[in-house]
Amino acid sequence: MSDNYNTIVDHLELNSSSGTESSNNQSPEAPSREQGQDQRESEDDYPKGLSTNMWWADVKGALGQRFNFGAIARSARVLTKDKHLALPHVSVPDIRYIDWPELHRRGFKGVVFDKDNTLTVPYSLTLWGLLGSSLEQCKSVFGPDIAVFSNSAGLYEYDHDGSKARELEGAIGIKVIRHKVKKPAGTAEEIEKHFGCKASHLIMVGDRPLTDIVYGNQNGFLTILTEPLSLAEEPFIVRQVRKLETSLVNRWFRKGLKPTSHRLLPDGTQCVKHPPPL
């Protein structure tokens, strides 16, 4: 990591320390009001008003895949109070390193995947080729209890007619959960309804600490962080934000911070394996 990134990280952590005292003076009801506001704003956006116009929804989709304003707002809270929410239970290069039978044996009932840079390269609707055998093993272990929960395909605000979700489902054979609120905001209600169980029995797999991992941890999932499949398709600003959040997470781990323990898998290394040679 360059000196410029270390300077940015130092500045953010200095600000987080100075802001902790004021944030502790907030009413404990404040987070729930914030969450409720996010839900109301999302519901107001869709299907009413301009969002019903397909042209406007496409413009919002193009912008929204580059800038997650909800994640930016929640990052401040993670930096000041809830750093552990950005720390994954398990970190792997990609899903080929995940021991699906062991996770099932531990009592997990289903798997939720992010899409971009977890199963596909950004903006693609086809599976990244090298992941095929691992995904097939996951299907053989968990059966139909696998789904995609993405901030692109399946998100009403951007995939307004569900066409991206349907195309992805046809390409990879996995259900895409339609939803209204962009990660990391929102509850696990739509996912729990789809799987018919609590989020504590589900696995969230994604490539972004401040979206996929924060969302998963704050809702009780076992969280697995993968490295991005390809950075070539990501916009410049997204790559810079990714570098910053990765630097922060690595620094917090070095300082001894730990994710919240998950009762079904207290030691995350027990579900990591080495994939067979290609």
C-alpha atoms as a PDB file:
ATOM      1  CA  MET A   1       0.000   0.000   0.000  1.00  0.00           C
ATOM      2  CA  SER A   2       1.430   3.431  -0.972  1.00  0.00           C
ATOM      3  CA  ASP A   3       2.268   6.229   1.495  1.00  0.00           C
ATOM      4  CA  ASN A   4      -0.756   8.165   0.203  1.00  0.00           C
ATOM      5  CA  TYR A   5      -3.124   5.367   1.265  1.00  0.00           C
ATOM      6  CA  ASN A   6      -1.492   5.039   4.669  1.00  0.00           C
ATOM      7  CA  THR A   7      -1.935   8.803   5.115  1.00  0.00           C
ATOM      8  CA  ILE A   8      -5.625   8.513   4.219  1.00  0.00           C
ATOM      9  CA  VAL A   9      -6.093   5.560   6.572  1.00  0.00           C
ATOM     10  CA  ASP A  10      -4.354   7.422   9.412  1.00  0.00           C
ATOM     11  CA  HIS A  11      -6.567  10.438   8.794  1.00  0.00           C
ATOM     12  CA  LEU A  12      -9.755   8.328   8.807  1.00  0.00           C
ATOM     13  CA  GLU A  13      -8.800   6.506  12.010  1.00  0.00           C
ATOM     14  CA  LEU A  14      -7.893   9.831  13.688  1.00  0.00           C
ATOM     15  CA  ASN A  15     -11.296  11.208  12.738  1.00  0.00           C
ATOM     16  CA  SER A  16     -13.009   8.019  13.923  1.00  0.00           C
ATOM     17  CA  SER A  17     -11.354   8.319  17.341  1.00  0.00           C
ATOM     18  CA  SER A  18     -12.366  11.938  17.761  1.00  0.00           C
ATOM     19  CA  GLY A  19     -15.922  11.217  16.638  1.00  0.00           C
ATOM     20  CA  THR A  20     -16.564   8.272  18.940  1.00  0.00           C
ATOM     21  CA  GLU A  21     -17.484  10.332  21.991  1.00  0.00           C
ATOM     22  CA  SER A  22     -20.125  12.355  20.203  1.00  0.00           C
ATOM     23  CA  SER A  23     -21.580   9.255  18.541  1.00  0.00           C
ATOM     24  CA  ASN A  24     -21.910   7.569  21.937  1.00  0.00           C
ATOM     25  CA  ASN A  25     -24.173  10.393  23.070  1.00  0.00           C
ATOM     26  CA  GLN A  26     -26.795   9.535  20.501  1.00  0.00           C
ATOM     27  CA  SER A  27     -30.023   7.935  21.552  1.00  0.00           C
ATOM     28  CA  PRO A  28     -29.926   4.136  21.194  1.00  0.00           C
ATOM     29  CA  GLU A  29     -32.998   4.479  19.025  1.00  0.00           C
ATOM     30  CA  ALA A  30     -31.074   6.445  16.392  1.00  0.00           C
ATOM     31  CA  PRO A  31     -29.864   3.452  14.304  1.00  0.00           C
ATOM     32  CA  SER A  32     -33.356   2.026  13.963  1.00  0.00           C
ATOM     33  CA  ARG A  33     -34.691   5.419  12.831  1.00  0.00           C
ATOM     34  CA  GLU A  34     -31.893   5.600  10.273  1.00  0.00           C
ATOM     35  CA  GLN A  35     -32.669   2.111   9.029  1.00  0.00           C
ATOM     36  CA  GLY A  36     -36.356   2.951   8.805  1.00  0.00           C
ATOM     37  CA  GLN A  37     -35.566   6.111   6.848  1.00  0.00           C
ATOM     38  CA  ASP A  38     -33.499   4.097   4.365  1.00  0.00           C
ATOM     39  CA  GLN A  39     -36.405   1.702   3.930  1.00  0.00           C
ATOM     40  CA  ARG A  40     -38.889   4.546   3.396  1.00  0.00           C
ATOM     41  CA  GLU A  41     -36.616   6.290   0.914  1.00  0.00           C
ATOM     42  CA  SER A  42     -36.152   3.089  -1.057  1.00  0.00           C
ATOM     43  CA  GLU A  43     -39.887   2.389  -1.089  1.00  0.00           C
ATOM     44  CA  ASP A  44     -40.544   5.974  -2.214  1.00  0.00           C
ATOM     45  CA  ASP A  45     -38.086   5.543  -5.073  1.00  0.00           C
ATOM     46  CA  TYR A  46     -39.823   2.415  -6.384  1.00  0.00           C
ATOM     47  CA  PRO A  47     -42.254   1.949  -8.000  1.00  0.00           C
ATOM     48  CA  LYS A  48     -43.584   5.557  -7.773  1.00  0.00           C
ATOM     49  CA  GLY A  49     -42.523   8.750  -9.555  1.00  0.00           C
ATOM     50  CA  LEU A  50     -39.571   9.003 -11.866  1.00  0.00           C
ATOM     51  CA  SER A  51     -38.330   5.517 -11.058  1.00  0.00           C
ATOM     52  CA  THR A  52     -41.221   4.116 -13.061  1.00  0.00           C
ATOM     53  CA  ASN A  53     -39.633   5.716 -16.111  1.00  0.00           C
ATOM     54  CA  MET A  54     -37.324   3.088 -17.602  1.00  0.00           C
ATOM     55  CA  TRP A  55     -34.892   5.679 -18.954  1.00  0.00           C
ATOM     56  CA  TRP A  56     -34.469   7.274 -15.536  1.00  0.00           C
ATOM     57  CA  ALA A  57     -34.058   3.879 -13.868  1.00  0.00           C
ATOM     58  CA  ASP A  58     -31.286   2.990 -16.330  1.00  0.00           C
ATOM     59  CA  VAL A  59     -29.471   6.254 -15.578  1.00  0.00           C
ATOM     60  CA  LYS A  60     -29.765   5.603 -11.828  1.00  0.00           C
ATOM     61  CA  GLY A  61     -28.522   2.069 -12.386  1.00  0.00           C
ATOM     62  CA  ALA A  62     -25.396   3.248 -14.184  1.00  0.00           C
ATOM     63  CA  LEU A  63     -24.632   5.714 -11.396  1.00  0.00           C
ATOM     64  CA  GLY A  64     -25.619   3.382  -8.590  1.00  0.00           C
ATOM     65  CA  GLN A  65     -23.241   0.615  -9.621  1.00  0.00           C
ATOM     66  CA  ARG A  66     -20.382   3.115  -9.386  1.00  0.00           C
ATOM     67  CA  PHE A  67     -21.364   4.972  -6.219  1.00  0.00           C
ATOM     68  CA  ASN A  68     -23.046   3.334  -3.232  1.00  0.00           C
ATOM     69  CA  PHE A  69     -24.087   6.413  -1.281  1.00  0.00           C
ATOM     70  CA  GLY A  70     -25.682   4.299   1.455  1.00  0.00           C
ATOM     71  CA  ALA A  71     -22.406   2.464   1.997  1.00  0.00           C
ATOM     72  CA  ILE A  72     -20.548   5.777   2.207  1.00  0.00           C
ATOM     73  CA  ALA A  73     -22.896   7.002   4.930  1.00  0.00           C
ATOM     74  CA  ARG A  74     -22.653   3.788   6.926  1.00  0.00           C
ATOM     75  CA  SER A  75     -18.882   3.704   6.628  1.00  0.00           C
ATOM     76  CA  ALA A  76     -18.729   6.615   9.050  1.00  0.00           C
ATOM     77  CA  ARG A  77     -20.478   4.552  11.711  1.00  0.00           C
ATOM     78  CA  VAL A  78     -18.240   1.545  11.048  1.00  0.00           C
ATOM     79  CA  LEU A  79     -15.146   3.743  11.349  1.00  0.00           C
ATOM     80  CA  THR A  80     -16.262   5.338  14.601  1.00  0.00           C
ATOM     81  CA  LYS A  81     -18.067   2.581  16.494  1.00  0.00           C
ATOM     82  CA  ASP A  82     -18.506  -0.722  14.689  1.00  0.00           C
ATOM     83  CA  LYS A  83     -15.195  -1.674  13.055  1.00  0.00           C
ATOM     84  CA  HIS A  84     -15.857  -5.352  13.802  1.00  0.00           C
ATOM     85  CA  LEU A  85     -18.789  -5.317  11.361  1.00  0.00           C
ATOM     86  CA  ALA A  86     -16.363  -4.954   8.432  1.00  0.00           C
ATOM     87  CA  LEU A  87     -14.282  -7.954   9.511  1.00  0.00           C
ATOM     88  CA  PRO A  88     -15.196 -11.255   7.781  1.00  0.00           C
ATOM     89  CA  HIS A  89     -15.368 -14.552   9.636  1.00  0.00           C
ATOM     90  CA  VAL A  90     -13.501 -16.169   6.726  1.00  0.00           C
ATOM     91  CA  SER A  91     -11.237 -14.764   3.976  1.00  0.00           C
ATOM     92  CA  VAL A  92     -10.401 -16.715   0.806  1.00  0.00           C
ATOM     93  CA  PRO A  93      -9.023 -15.904  -2.660  1.00  0.00           C
ATOM     94  CA  ASP A  94     -12.264 -17.094  -4.291  1.00  0.00           C
ATOM     95  CA  ILE A  95     -15.069 -19.585  -3.724  1.00  0.00           C
ATOM     96  CA  ARG A  96     -12.921 -22.555  -4.838  1.00  0.00           C
ATOM     97  CA  TYR A  97     -11.270 -22.368  -1.404  1.00  0.00           C
ATOM     98  CA  ILE A  98     -14.548 -22.837   0.503  1.00  0.00           C
ATOM     99  CA  ASP A  99     -15.294 -26.274   1.961  1.00  0.00           C
ATOM    100  CA  TRP A 100     -19.030 -26.508   1.275  1.00  0.00           C
ATOM    101  CA  PRO A 101     -19.562 -29.982   2.817  1.00  0.00           C
ATOM    102  CA  GLU A 102     -17.928 -28.850   6.057  1.00  0.00           C
ATOM    103  CA  LEU A 103     -20.168 -25.790   6.276  1.00  0.00           C
ATOM    104  CA  HIS A 104     -23.241 -27.935   5.708  1.00  0.00           C
ATOM    105  CA  ARG A 105     -22.039 -30.382   8.337  1.00  0.00           C
ATOM    106  CA  ARG A 106     -21.716 -27.490  10.779  1.00  0.00           C
ATOM    107  CA  GLY A 107     -25.426 -26.754  10.453  1.00  0.00           C
ATOM    108  CA  PHE A 108     -25.622 -24.056   7.791  1.00  0.00           C
ATOM    109  CA  LYS A 109     -28.722 -24.324   5.636  1.00  0.00           C
ATOM    110  CA  GLY A 110     -28.027 -22.057   2.669  1.00  0.00           C
ATOM    111  CA  VAL A 111     -25.619 -19.776   0.824  1.00  0.00           C
ATOM    112  CA  VAL A 112     -26.131 -16.197  -0.374  1.00  0.00           C
ATOM    113  CA  PHE A 113     -23.717 -14.873  -2.999  1.00  0.00           C
ATOM    114  CA  ASP A 114     -22.940 -11.367  -4.094  1.00  0.00           C
ATOM    115  CA  LYS A 115     -22.674 -11.117  -7.880  1.00  0.00           C
ATOM    116  CA  ASP A 116     -20.081  -8.641  -9.182  1.00  0.00           C
ATOM    117  CA  ASN A 117     -16.483  -9.751  -8.599  1.00  0.00           C
ATOM    118  CA  THR A 118     -17.714 -12.708  -6.530  1.00  0.00           C
ATOM    119  CA  LEU A 119     -19.380 -14.912  -9.155  1.00  0.00           C
ATOM    120  CA  THR A 120     -18.973 -12.746 -12.257  1.00  0.00           C
ATOM    121  CA  VAL A 121     -16.698  -9.936 -13.361  1.00  0.00           C
ATOM    122  CA  PRO A 122     -18.378  -6.512 -12.975  1.00  0.00           C
ATOM    123  CA  TYR A 123     -21.331  -5.854 -15.307  1.00  0.00           C
ATOM    124  CA  SER A 124     -21.252  -9.429 -16.648  1.00  0.00           C
ATOM    125  CA  LEU A 125     -24.148 -11.848 -16.367  1.00  0.00           C
ATOM    126  CA  THR A 126     -22.096 -15.005 -16.902  1.00  0.00           C
ATOM    127  CA  LEU A 127     -20.195 -17.046 -14.331  1.00  0.00           C
ATOM    128  CA  TRP A 128     -16.421 -16.585 -14.162  1.00  0.00           C
ATOM    129  CA  GLY A 129     -15.192 -19.790 -15.772  1.00  0.00           C
ATOM    130  CA  LEU A 130     -12.839 -21.119 -13.096  1.00  0.00           C
ATOM    131  CA  LEU A 131     -15.612 -21.096 -10.469  1.00  0.00           C
ATOM    132  CA  GLY A 132     -17.834 -23.635 -12.202  1.00  0.00           C
ATOM    133  CA  SER A 133     -16.756 -26.756 -10.308  1.00  0.00           C
ATOM    134  CA  SER A 134     -16.987 -25.089  -6.892  1.00  0.00           C
ATOM    135  CA  LEU A 135     -20.425 -23.694  -7.629  1.00  0.00           C
ATOM    136  CA  GLU A 136     -21.609 -27.107  -8.791  1.00  0.00           C
ATOM    137  CA  GLN A 137     -20.323 -28.660  -5.559  1.00  0.00           C
ATOM    138  CA  CYS A 138     -22.144 -25.969  -3.584  1.00  0.00           C
ATOM    139  CA  LYS A 139     -25.346 -26.844  -5.438  1.00  0.00           C
ATOM    140  CA  SER A 140     -24.850 -30.553  -4.773  1.00  0.00           C
ATOM    141  CA  VAL A 141     -24.421 -29.879  -1.046  1.00  0.00           C
ATOM    142  CA  PHE A 142     -27.106 -27.227  -0.450  1.00  0.00           C
ATOM    143  CA  GLY A 143     -29.519 -28.147  -3.242  1.00  0.00           C
ATOM    144  CA  PRO A 144     -31.898 -25.307  -4.091  1.00  0.00           C
ATOM    145  CA  ASP A 145     -30.916 -23.350  -0.982  1.00  0.00           C
ATOM    146  CA  ILE A 146     -28.542 -21.050  -2.850  1.00  0.00           C
ATOM    147  CA  ALA A 147     -29.278 -17.508  -4.032  1.00  0.00           C
ATOM    148  CA  VAL A 148     -27.766 -14.287  -5.317  1.00  0.00           C
ATOM    149  CA  PHE A 149     -28.365 -11.038  -3.419  1.00  0.00           C
ATOM    150  CA  SER A 150     -26.804  -8.273  -5.475  1.00  0.00           C
ATOM    151  CA  ASN A 151     -26.704  -4.489  -5.641  1.00  0.00           C
ATOM    152  CA  SER A 152     -27.162  -4.780  -9.402  1.00  0.00           C
ATOM    153  CA  ALA A 153     -29.167  -7.733 -10.708  1.00  0.00           C
ATOM    154  CA  GLY A 154     -32.369  -8.087  -8.702  1.00  0.00           C
ATOM    155  CA  LEU A 155     -32.320  -4.656  -7.034  1.00  0.00           C
ATOM    156  CA  TYR A 156     -35.630  -3.013  -8.009  1.00  0.00           C
ATOM    157  CA  GLU A 157     -34.179   0.463  -8.224  1.00  0.00           C
ATOM    158  CA  TYR A 158     -31.694  -0.498 -10.945  1.00  0.00           C
ATOM    159  CA  ASP A 159     -32.982  -3.787 -12.363  1.00  0.00           C
ATOM    160  CA  HIS A 160     -36.413  -2.240 -12.683  1.00  0.00           C
ATOM    161  CA  ASP A 161     -38.007  -4.923 -14.849  1.00  0.00           C
ATOM    162  CA  GLY A 162     -36.071  -7.891 -13.440  1.00  0.00           C
ATOM    163  CA  SER A 163     -34.473  -8.653 -16.823  1.00  0.00           C
ATOM    164  CA  LYS A 164     -30.921  -8.791 -15.435  1.00  0.00           C
ATOM    165  CA  ALA A 165     -32.037 -11.117 -12.645  1.00  0.00           C
ATOM    166  CA  ARG A 166     -33.759 -13.460 -15.109  1.00  0.00           C
ATOM    167  CA  GLU A 167     -30.737 -13.528 -17.418  1.00  0.00           C
ATOM    168  CA  LEU A 168     -28.380 -14.271 -14.530  1.00  0.00           C
ATOM    169  CA  GLU A 169     -30.660 -17.040 -13.262  1.00  0.00           C
ATOM    170  CA  GLY A 170     -30.622 -18.638 -16.694  1.00  0.00           C
ATOM    171  CA  ALA A 171     -26.848 -18.370 -16.977  1.00  0.00           C
ATOM    172  CA  ILE A 172     -25.832 -19.791 -13.589  1.00  0.00           C
ATOM    173  CA  GLY A 173     -28.902 -21.712 -12.448  1.00  0.00           C
ATOM    174  CA  ILE A 174     -29.307 -19.855  -9.155  1.00  0.00           C
ATOM    175  CA  LYS A 175     -32.282 -17.852  -7.929  1.00  0.00           C
ATOM    176  CA  VAL A 176     -31.735 -14.081  -7.742  1.00  0.00           C
ATOM    177  CA  ILE A 177     -33.587 -12.512  -4.816  1.00  0.00           C
ATOM    178  CA  ARG A 178     -35.423  -9.323  -5.768  1.00  0.00           C
ATOM    179  CA  HIS A 179     -35.096  -6.612  -3.132  1.00  0.00           C
ATOM    180  CA  LYS A 180     -35.597  -2.901  -2.500  1.00  0.00           C
ATOM    181  CA  VAL A 181     -32.728  -1.795  -0.270  1.00  0.00           C
ATOM    182  CA  LYS A 182     -29.091  -1.650  -1.325  1.00  0.00           C
ATOM    183  CA  LYS A 183     -26.451  -3.366   0.829  1.00  0.00           C
ATOM    184  CA  PRO A 184     -25.227  -2.665   3.468  1.00  0.00           C
ATOM    185  CA  ALA A 185     -28.553  -1.087   4.445  1.00  0.00           C
ATOM    186  CA  GLY A 186     -31.648  -3.118   5.167  1.00  0.00           C
ATOM    187  CA  THR A 187     -32.580  -6.195   7.132  1.00  0.00           C
ATOM    188  CA  ALA A 188     -32.388  -9.864   6.165  1.00  0.00           C
ATOM    189  CA  GLU A 189     -36.179 -10.169   5.934  1.00  0.00           C
ATOM    190  CA  GLU A 190     -36.322 -10.868   2.186  1.00  0.00           C
ATOM    191  CA  ILE A 191     -33.511 -13.422   2.381  1.00  0.00           C
ATOM    192  CA  GLU A 192     -34.957 -15.172   5.440  1.00  0.00           C
ATOM    193  CA  LYS A 193     -38.345 -15.355   3.733  1.00  0.00           C
ATOM    194  CA  HIS A 194     -36.747 -16.906   0.649  1.00  0.00           C
ATOM    195  CA  PHE A 195     -34.823 -19.562   2.617  1.00  0.00           C
ATOM    196  CA  GLY A 196     -37.364 -20.124   5.375  1.00  0.00           C
ATOM    197  CA  CYS A 197     -34.793 -19.847   8.164  1.00  0.00           C
ATOM    198  CA  LYS A 198     -32.932 -17.277  10.231  1.00  0.00           C
ATOM    199  CA  ALA A 199     -29.899 -15.511   8.785  1.00  0.00           C
ATOM    200  CA  SER A 200     -27.744 -17.098  11.509  1.00  0.00           C
ATOM    201  CA  HIS A 201     -28.066 -20.377   9.560  1.00  0.00           C
ATOM    202  CA  LEU A 202     -26.988 -18.781   6.268  1.00  0.00           C
ATOM    203  CA  ILE A 203     -23.656 -17.855   4.673  1.00  0.00           C
ATOM    204  CA  MET A 204     -23.023 -14.495   2.989  1.00  0.00           C
ATOM    205  CA  VAL A 205     -20.238 -14.562   0.370  1.00  0.00           C
ATOM    206  CA  GLY A 206     -19.000 -11.306  -1.165  1.00  0.00           C
ATOM    207  CA  ASP A 207     -15.972  -9.282  -2.179  1.00  0.00           C
ATOM    208  CA  ARG A 208     -16.564  -5.934  -0.414  1.00  0.00           C
ATOM    209  CA  PRO A 209     -15.961  -5.418   3.326  1.00  0.00           C
ATOM    210  CA  LEU A 210     -18.069  -2.264   3.642  1.00  0.00           C
ATOM    211  CA  THR A 211     -21.064  -3.623   1.744  1.00  0.00           C
ATOM    212  CA  ASP A 212     -21.334  -7.439   1.688  1.00  0.00           C
ATOM    213  CA  ILE A 213     -19.499  -8.098   4.956  1.00  0.00           C
ATOM    214  CA  VAL A 214     -21.048  -5.232   6.942  1.00  0.00           C
ATOM    215  CA  TYR A 215     -24.503  -6.244   5.729  1.00  0.00           C
ATOM    216  CA  GLY A 216     -23.896  -9.893   6.556  1.00  0.00           C
ATOM    217  CA  ASN A 217     -22.433  -9.286  10.006  1.00  0.00           C
ATOM    218  CA  GLN A 218     -25.065  -6.836  11.156  1.00  0.00           C
ATOM    219  CA  ASN A 219     -27.772  -9.340  10.200  1.00  0.00           C
ATOM    220  CA  GLY A 220     -26.176 -12.444  11.744  1.00  0.00           C
ATOM    221  CA  PHE A 221     -24.816 -14.331   8.706  1.00  0.00           C
ATOM    222  CA  LEU A 222     -21.536 -16.195   8.601  1.00  0.00           C
ATOM    223  CA  THR A 223     -19.522 -13.869   6.355  1.00  0.00           C
ATOM    224  CA  ILE A 224     -16.937 -14.976   3.791  1.00  0.00           C
ATOM    225  CA  LEU A 225     -14.823 -12.367   1.990  1.00  0.00           C
ATOM    226  CA  THR A 226     -13.375 -13.208  -1.431  1.00  0.00           C
ATOM    227  CA  GLU A 227     -10.781 -11.309  -3.405  1.00  0.00           C
ATOM    228  CA  PRO A 228     -12.115  -9.527  -6.518  1.00  0.00           C
ATOM    229  CA  LEU A 229     -12.105 -11.594  -9.698  1.00  0.00           C
ATOM    230  CA  SER A 230     -11.056  -8.689 -11.936  1.00  0.00           C
ATOM    231  CA  LEU A 231     -10.354  -5.000 -11.393  1.00  0.00           C
ATOM    232  CA  ALA A 232     -10.105  -4.150 -15.083  1.00  0.00           C
ATOM    233  CA  GLU A 233     -13.834  -3.464 -15.472  1.00  0.00           C
ATOM    234  CA  GLU A 234     -14.197  -1.391 -12.298  1.00  0.00           C
ATOM    235  CA  PRO A 235     -14.249   2.419 -12.541  1.00  0.00           C
ATOM    236  CA  PHE A 236     -11.213   4.217 -11.156  1.00  0.00           C
ATOM    237  CA  ILE A 237     -13.011   5.611  -8.096  1.00  0.00           C
ATOM    238  CA  VAL A 238     -14.347   2.162  -7.156  1.00  0.00           C
ATOM    239  CA  ARG A 239     -10.834   0.715  -7.320  1.00  0.00           C
ATOM    240  CA  GLN A 240      -9.550   3.458  -5.013  1.00  0.00           C
ATOM    241  CA  VAL A 241     -12.343   2.909  -2.494  1.00  0.00           C
ATOM    242  CA  ARG A 242     -11.667  -0.835  -2.606  1.00  0.00           C
ATOM    243  CA  LYS A 243      -7.959  -0.250  -1.845  1.00  0.00           C
ATOM    244  CA  LEU A 244      -8.851   1.997   1.067  1.00  0.00           C
ATOM    245  CA  GLU A 245     -11.352  -0.373   2.671  1.00  0.00           C
ATOM    246  CA  THR A 246      -8.980  -3.334   2.219  1.00  0.00           C
ATOM    247  CA  SER A 247      -6.213  -1.328   3.890  1.00  0.00           C
ATOM    248  CA  LEU A 248      -8.498  -0.476   6.792  1.00  0.00           C
ATOM    249  CA  VAL A 249      -9.615  -4.069   7.325  1.00  0.00           C
ATOM    250  CA  ASN A 250      -6.041  -5.359   7.187  1.00  0.00           C
ATOM    251  CA  ARG A 251      -4.927  -2.739   9.693  1.00  0.00           C
ATOM    252  CA  TRP A 252      -7.756  -3.590  12.104  1.00  0.00           C
ATOM    253  CA  PHE A 253      -6.833  -7.274  11.949  1.00  0.00           C
ATOM    254  CA  ARG A 254      -3.179  -6.426  12.632  1.00  0.00           C
ATOM    255  CA  LYS A 255      -4.275  -4.413  15.659  1.00  0.00           C
ATOM    256  CA  GLY A 256      -5.987  -7.509  17.047  1.00  0.00           C
ATOM    257  CA  LEU A 257      -9.610  -6.688  16.251  1.00  0.00           C
ATOM    258  CA  LYS A 258     -11.777  -9.725  15.618  1.00  0.00           C
ATOM    259  CA  PRO A 259     -15.157 -10.293  13.993  1.00  0.00           C
ATOM    260  CA  THR A 260     -18.080 -11.254  16.163  1.00  0.00           C
ATOM    261  CA  SER A 261     -17.892 -14.996  16.826  1.00  0.00           C
ATOM    262  CA  HIS A 262     -20.398 -17.165  14.980  1.00  0.00           C
ATOM    263  CA  ARG A 263     -21.779 -19.998  17.083  1.00  0.00           C
ATOM    264  CA  LEU A 264     -21.880 -22.530  14.213  1.00  0.00           C
ATOM    265  CA  LEU A 265     -18.277 -21.887  13.163  1.00  0.00           C
ATOM    266  CA  PRO A 266     -16.140 -20.356  15.937  1.00  0.00           C
ATOM    267  CA  ASP A 267     -12.948 -20.956  13.889  1.00  0.00           C
ATOM    268  CA  GLY A 268     -13.319 -19.834  10.290  1.00  0.00           C
ATOM    269  CA  THR A 269     -10.196 -21.648   9.099  1.00  0.00           C
ATOM    270  CA  GLN A 270     -12.052 -24.935   9.522  1.00  0.00           C
ATOM    271  CA  CYS A 271     -14.005 -24.322   6.312  1.00  0.00           C
ATOM    272  CA  VAL A 272     -11.036 -23.285   4.144  1.00  0.00           C
ATOM    273  CA  LYS A 273      -9.431 -25.778   1.757  1.00  0.00           C
ATOM    274  CA  HIS A 274      -6.920 -25.763  -1.069  1.00  0.00           C
ATOM    275  CA  PRO A 275      -8.615 -26.231  -4.433  1.00  0.00           C
ATOM    276  CA  PRO A 276      -7.488 -29.030  -6.744  1.00  0.00           C
ATOM    277  CA  PRO A 277      -4.952 -28.028  -9.426  1.00  0.00           C
ATOM    278  CA  LEU A 278      -6.378 -26.920 -12.737  1.00  0.00           C
END
